[in-house]
N, C-alpha and C. Protein backbone atom coordinates (compact mmCIF):
# COMPACT_ATOMS: atom_id res chain seq x y z
N MET A 1 16.49 -12.58 -12.33
CA MET A 1 16.46 -11.19 -11.97
C MET A 1 15.00 -10.82 -11.64
N ARG A 2 14.82 -10.00 -10.61
CA ARG A 2 13.50 -9.56 -10.17
C ARG A 2 13.42 -8.05 -10.22
N VAL A 3 12.22 -7.56 -10.42
CA VAL A 3 11.96 -6.12 -10.39
C VAL A 3 11.35 -5.81 -9.03
N LEU A 4 11.90 -4.82 -8.33
CA LEU A 4 11.41 -4.43 -7.02
C LEU A 4 10.97 -2.97 -7.03
N LEU A 5 10.01 -2.65 -6.18
CA LEU A 5 9.54 -1.29 -6.02
C LEU A 5 10.32 -0.64 -4.88
N ARG A 6 11.02 0.46 -5.19
CA ARG A 6 11.80 1.16 -4.17
C ARG A 6 10.89 2.06 -3.35
N GLU A 7 11.41 2.57 -2.23
CA GLU A 7 10.66 3.47 -1.35
C GLU A 7 10.19 4.72 -2.08
N ASP A 8 10.98 5.20 -3.05
CA ASP A 8 10.62 6.43 -3.75
C ASP A 8 9.61 6.19 -4.87
N GLY A 9 9.15 4.92 -5.03
CA GLY A 9 8.14 4.61 -6.02
C GLY A 9 8.68 4.16 -7.36
N PHE A 10 10.01 4.17 -7.55
CA PHE A 10 10.60 3.73 -8.80
C PHE A 10 10.94 2.25 -8.73
N MET A 11 11.06 1.64 -9.89
CA MET A 11 11.39 0.22 -9.96
C MET A 11 12.91 0.04 -10.03
N THR A 12 13.37 -1.07 -9.49
CA THR A 12 14.78 -1.44 -9.57
C THR A 12 14.87 -2.95 -9.75
N THR A 13 16.02 -3.47 -10.11
CA THR A 13 16.18 -4.91 -10.29
C THR A 13 17.12 -5.47 -9.25
N THR A 14 16.97 -6.77 -8.99
CA THR A 14 17.82 -7.46 -8.03
C THR A 14 18.01 -8.90 -8.49
N ASP A 15 19.00 -9.56 -7.94
CA ASP A 15 19.27 -10.95 -8.28
C ASP A 15 18.75 -11.91 -7.22
N GLN A 16 17.85 -11.46 -6.34
CA GLN A 16 17.30 -12.34 -5.31
C GLN A 16 16.51 -13.47 -5.96
N GLU A 17 16.53 -14.63 -5.31
CA GLU A 17 15.79 -15.78 -5.83
C GLU A 17 14.32 -15.69 -5.47
N ILE A 18 13.49 -16.20 -6.36
CA ILE A 18 12.06 -16.29 -6.11
C ILE A 18 11.81 -17.62 -5.41
N PRO A 19 10.97 -17.66 -4.36
CA PRO A 19 10.71 -18.92 -3.67
C PRO A 19 10.15 -19.97 -4.63
N THR A 20 10.55 -21.23 -4.43
CA THR A 20 10.07 -22.30 -5.28
C THR A 20 8.70 -22.76 -4.83
N ALA A 21 7.99 -23.45 -5.72
CA ALA A 21 6.63 -23.87 -5.44
C ALA A 21 6.55 -24.87 -4.30
N GLY A 22 7.60 -25.62 -4.04
CA GLY A 22 7.56 -26.63 -3.00
C GLY A 22 7.95 -26.12 -1.63
N SER A 23 8.33 -24.88 -1.51
CA SER A 23 8.81 -24.39 -0.22
C SER A 23 7.64 -23.99 0.68
N GLY A 24 7.83 -24.19 1.98
CA GLY A 24 6.82 -23.80 2.96
C GLY A 24 6.65 -22.30 3.02
N SER A 25 7.71 -21.56 2.69
CA SER A 25 7.61 -20.10 2.74
C SER A 25 6.66 -19.59 1.66
N LEU A 26 6.55 -20.32 0.55
CA LEU A 26 5.63 -19.90 -0.50
C LEU A 26 4.18 -20.10 -0.06
N VAL A 27 3.91 -21.16 0.68
CA VAL A 27 2.57 -21.39 1.20
C VAL A 27 2.22 -20.29 2.21
N LYS A 28 3.18 -19.97 3.07
CA LYS A 28 2.96 -18.89 4.04
C LYS A 28 2.71 -17.57 3.33
N ARG A 29 3.50 -17.32 2.28
CA ARG A 29 3.31 -16.09 1.52
C ARG A 29 1.94 -16.08 0.84
N GLY A 30 1.52 -17.22 0.32
CA GLY A 30 0.20 -17.31 -0.31
C GLY A 30 -0.91 -16.97 0.66
N LEU A 31 -0.81 -17.46 1.89
CA LEU A 31 -1.81 -17.14 2.90
C LEU A 31 -1.79 -15.65 3.23
N LEU A 32 -0.58 -15.08 3.33
CA LEU A 32 -0.46 -13.65 3.57
C LEU A 32 -1.04 -12.85 2.40
N MET A 33 -0.85 -13.35 1.18
CA MET A 33 -1.38 -12.66 0.01
C MET A 33 -2.91 -12.61 0.05
N VAL A 34 -3.52 -13.70 0.47
CA VAL A 34 -4.98 -13.72 0.59
C VAL A 34 -5.43 -12.72 1.65
N ALA A 35 -4.75 -12.71 2.80
CA ALA A 35 -5.11 -11.79 3.88
C ALA A 35 -4.91 -10.33 3.45
N PHE A 36 -3.78 -10.04 2.80
CA PHE A 36 -3.53 -8.66 2.37
C PHE A 36 -4.46 -8.26 1.22
N GLY A 37 -4.83 -9.21 0.38
CA GLY A 37 -5.80 -8.91 -0.67
C GLY A 37 -7.14 -8.50 -0.09
N PHE A 38 -7.57 -9.22 0.95
CA PHE A 38 -8.82 -8.86 1.63
C PHE A 38 -8.68 -7.50 2.31
N ALA A 39 -7.54 -7.26 2.97
CA ALA A 39 -7.31 -5.97 3.63
C ALA A 39 -7.34 -4.83 2.62
N ALA A 40 -6.77 -5.04 1.44
CA ALA A 40 -6.77 -4.01 0.40
C ALA A 40 -8.19 -3.75 -0.09
N TYR A 41 -9.00 -4.80 -0.18
CA TYR A 41 -10.39 -4.65 -0.60
C TYR A 41 -11.15 -3.77 0.40
N VAL A 42 -10.97 -4.05 1.69
CA VAL A 42 -11.63 -3.27 2.73
C VAL A 42 -11.11 -1.83 2.71
N ALA A 43 -9.78 -1.68 2.57
CA ALA A 43 -9.19 -0.33 2.56
C ALA A 43 -9.67 0.48 1.36
N LEU A 44 -9.92 -0.18 0.24
CA LEU A 44 -10.41 0.54 -0.93
C LEU A 44 -11.79 1.14 -0.65
N TRP A 45 -12.63 0.43 0.10
CA TRP A 45 -13.92 1.01 0.50
C TRP A 45 -13.70 2.19 1.42
N GLY A 46 -12.65 2.10 2.25
CA GLY A 46 -12.29 3.24 3.09
C GLY A 46 -11.89 4.44 2.26
N VAL A 47 -11.23 4.21 1.14
CA VAL A 47 -10.85 5.30 0.25
C VAL A 47 -12.10 6.00 -0.29
N PHE A 48 -13.12 5.23 -0.63
CA PHE A 48 -14.36 5.83 -1.12
C PHE A 48 -15.01 6.70 -0.03
N VAL A 49 -14.98 6.23 1.21
CA VAL A 49 -15.54 7.01 2.32
C VAL A 49 -14.73 8.29 2.52
N LEU A 50 -13.40 8.18 2.48
CA LEU A 50 -12.55 9.37 2.61
C LEU A 50 -12.81 10.37 1.49
N ALA A 51 -13.00 9.87 0.29
CA ALA A 51 -13.28 10.76 -0.84
C ALA A 51 -14.60 11.49 -0.64
N ALA A 52 -15.61 10.78 -0.15
CA ALA A 52 -16.91 11.42 0.10
C ALA A 52 -16.78 12.47 1.21
N LEU A 53 -16.03 12.15 2.26
CA LEU A 53 -15.83 13.12 3.34
C LEU A 53 -15.09 14.36 2.85
N GLN A 54 -14.07 14.15 2.02
CA GLN A 54 -13.34 15.31 1.49
C GLN A 54 -14.24 16.16 0.61
N LEU A 55 -15.14 15.54 -0.12
CA LEU A 55 -16.09 16.29 -0.94
C LEU A 55 -16.97 17.17 -0.06
N VAL A 56 -17.41 16.61 1.06
CA VAL A 56 -18.23 17.39 1.99
C VAL A 56 -17.43 18.57 2.53
N PHE A 57 -16.18 18.34 2.92
CA PHE A 57 -15.33 19.43 3.41
C PHE A 57 -15.13 20.49 2.32
N MET A 58 -14.97 20.05 1.09
CA MET A 58 -14.79 21.01 0.00
C MET A 58 -16.06 21.85 -0.21
N LEU A 59 -17.21 21.21 -0.09
CA LEU A 59 -18.47 21.94 -0.26
C LEU A 59 -18.71 22.95 0.87
N ILE A 60 -18.29 22.59 2.09
CA ILE A 60 -18.53 23.45 3.24
C ILE A 60 -17.43 24.50 3.41
N ASP A 61 -16.19 24.06 3.44
CA ASP A 61 -15.06 24.96 3.75
C ASP A 61 -14.31 25.47 2.52
N ARG A 62 -14.60 24.92 1.36
CA ARG A 62 -13.91 25.29 0.12
C ARG A 62 -12.43 24.90 0.13
N GLN A 63 -12.07 23.98 1.02
CA GLN A 63 -10.70 23.44 1.04
C GLN A 63 -10.74 22.05 1.67
N PRO A 64 -9.83 21.17 1.27
CA PRO A 64 -9.82 19.82 1.83
C PRO A 64 -9.34 19.83 3.28
N ASN A 65 -9.79 18.85 4.04
CA ASN A 65 -9.36 18.69 5.42
C ASN A 65 -7.92 18.17 5.42
N ALA A 66 -7.02 18.87 6.09
CA ALA A 66 -5.59 18.53 6.07
C ALA A 66 -5.32 17.17 6.71
N GLN A 67 -6.03 16.85 7.78
CA GLN A 67 -5.80 15.56 8.44
C GLN A 67 -6.27 14.40 7.58
N LEU A 68 -7.43 14.54 6.94
CA LEU A 68 -7.90 13.50 6.03
C LEU A 68 -6.98 13.36 4.83
N LYS A 69 -6.46 14.48 4.36
CA LYS A 69 -5.55 14.47 3.23
C LYS A 69 -4.26 13.71 3.58
N SER A 70 -3.73 13.95 4.76
CA SER A 70 -2.52 13.27 5.21
C SER A 70 -2.78 11.77 5.38
N PHE A 71 -3.91 11.43 6.02
CA PHE A 71 -4.24 10.02 6.21
C PHE A 71 -4.47 9.33 4.87
N SER A 72 -5.13 10.01 3.94
CA SER A 72 -5.39 9.44 2.61
C SER A 72 -4.08 9.14 1.89
N ARG A 73 -3.12 10.06 2.00
CA ARG A 73 -1.82 9.87 1.38
C ARG A 73 -1.13 8.62 1.96
N ASN A 74 -1.19 8.47 3.28
CA ASN A 74 -0.58 7.31 3.93
C ASN A 74 -1.31 6.02 3.57
N LEU A 75 -2.64 6.08 3.49
CA LEU A 75 -3.42 4.90 3.10
C LEU A 75 -3.08 4.48 1.67
N ALA A 76 -2.93 5.45 0.79
CA ALA A 76 -2.56 5.14 -0.60
C ALA A 76 -1.17 4.49 -0.66
N ALA A 77 -0.25 4.97 0.18
CA ALA A 77 1.09 4.37 0.22
C ALA A 77 1.02 2.94 0.73
N TRP A 78 0.14 2.68 1.72
CA TRP A 78 -0.03 1.34 2.25
C TRP A 78 -0.61 0.42 1.18
N LEU A 79 -1.60 0.91 0.43
CA LEU A 79 -2.16 0.11 -0.66
C LEU A 79 -1.11 -0.19 -1.71
N LEU A 80 -0.23 0.76 -1.99
CA LEU A 80 0.86 0.53 -2.93
C LEU A 80 1.80 -0.55 -2.39
N ASP A 81 2.08 -0.53 -1.10
CA ASP A 81 2.91 -1.57 -0.49
C ASP A 81 2.26 -2.94 -0.63
N ILE A 82 0.94 -3.00 -0.44
CA ILE A 82 0.22 -4.27 -0.58
C ILE A 82 0.28 -4.77 -2.01
N VAL A 83 0.04 -3.90 -2.97
CA VAL A 83 0.09 -4.30 -4.38
C VAL A 83 1.48 -4.80 -4.75
N ALA A 84 2.51 -4.13 -4.28
CA ALA A 84 3.88 -4.57 -4.56
C ALA A 84 4.12 -5.94 -3.96
N PHE A 85 3.61 -6.22 -2.76
CA PHE A 85 3.77 -7.53 -2.14
C PHE A 85 2.97 -8.59 -2.88
N LEU A 86 1.73 -8.27 -3.25
CA LEU A 86 0.88 -9.24 -3.94
C LEU A 86 1.42 -9.63 -5.30
N THR A 87 2.07 -8.72 -5.98
CA THR A 87 2.58 -8.99 -7.32
C THR A 87 4.04 -9.42 -7.34
N PHE A 88 4.57 -9.77 -6.16
CA PHE A 88 5.96 -10.20 -6.00
C PHE A 88 6.95 -9.12 -6.40
N GLY A 89 6.52 -7.86 -6.32
CA GLY A 89 7.42 -6.75 -6.59
C GLY A 89 8.37 -6.52 -5.43
N THR A 90 7.99 -7.02 -4.25
CA THR A 90 8.84 -6.92 -3.07
C THR A 90 8.53 -8.09 -2.15
N ASP A 91 9.49 -8.45 -1.33
CA ASP A 91 9.28 -9.48 -0.32
C ASP A 91 8.97 -8.88 1.04
N THR A 92 9.02 -7.56 1.14
CA THR A 92 8.74 -6.88 2.39
C THR A 92 7.25 -6.90 2.65
N ARG A 93 6.87 -7.47 3.79
CA ARG A 93 5.45 -7.54 4.13
C ARG A 93 4.98 -6.17 4.62
N PRO A 94 3.80 -5.74 4.14
CA PRO A 94 3.27 -4.43 4.54
C PRO A 94 2.83 -4.41 6.00
N PHE A 95 2.39 -3.22 6.45
CA PHE A 95 1.82 -3.06 7.78
C PHE A 95 0.75 -4.13 7.98
N PRO A 96 0.70 -4.82 9.09
CA PRO A 96 1.26 -4.58 10.41
C PRO A 96 2.62 -5.23 10.64
N PHE A 97 3.21 -5.84 9.61
CA PHE A 97 4.54 -6.45 9.76
C PHE A 97 5.65 -5.43 9.59
N ALA A 98 5.33 -4.29 9.06
CA ALA A 98 6.27 -3.18 8.89
C ALA A 98 5.56 -1.92 9.40
N PRO A 99 6.30 -0.85 9.62
CA PRO A 99 5.64 0.38 10.07
C PRO A 99 4.63 0.89 9.03
N PHE A 100 3.56 1.52 9.53
CA PHE A 100 2.57 2.11 8.63
C PHE A 100 3.25 3.24 7.86
N PRO A 101 3.04 3.32 6.55
CA PRO A 101 3.70 4.37 5.76
C PRO A 101 3.40 5.77 6.27
N ASP A 102 4.40 6.61 6.26
CA ASP A 102 4.25 8.00 6.67
C ASP A 102 4.75 8.87 5.53
N ARG A 103 3.83 9.41 4.76
CA ARG A 103 4.17 10.18 3.56
C ARG A 103 3.88 11.66 3.76
N ARG A 104 4.22 12.21 4.91
CA ARG A 104 3.96 13.62 5.17
C ARG A 104 4.71 14.52 4.21
N SER A 105 5.87 14.06 3.72
CA SER A 105 6.67 14.89 2.84
C SER A 105 6.47 14.51 1.37
N SER A 106 5.32 13.93 1.04
CA SER A 106 5.04 13.53 -0.33
C SER A 106 4.95 14.74 -1.24
N PRO A 107 5.45 14.62 -2.47
CA PRO A 107 5.37 15.74 -3.40
C PRO A 107 3.96 16.06 -3.85
N ALA A 108 3.03 15.08 -3.76
CA ALA A 108 1.65 15.34 -4.16
C ALA A 108 0.95 16.09 -3.05
N THR A 109 0.61 17.35 -3.29
CA THR A 109 -0.01 18.16 -2.24
C THR A 109 -1.46 18.43 -2.52
């Protein structure tokens, strides 16, 4: 039994098999994990830049920039997708193999 991360952010279980150590798909997944791990590292630095920019907007306009806020929400969702893939929480490969997350209707405002 495996635990998977659903689209709504909650965990669920499934009876899907985990790839065996001798399979070529596991080697391919390992290479993807390294690439996505590096992408997440770079994206995390982007989060720091976005946070600094939002701070500047807050100091000047006294409110966060709506476009940066929306992009930040989507970037956070993408990072969550990467973490779920890296930890075998899902077999779905994140962007660019899937659409970039669009969390415009996220409850966190």
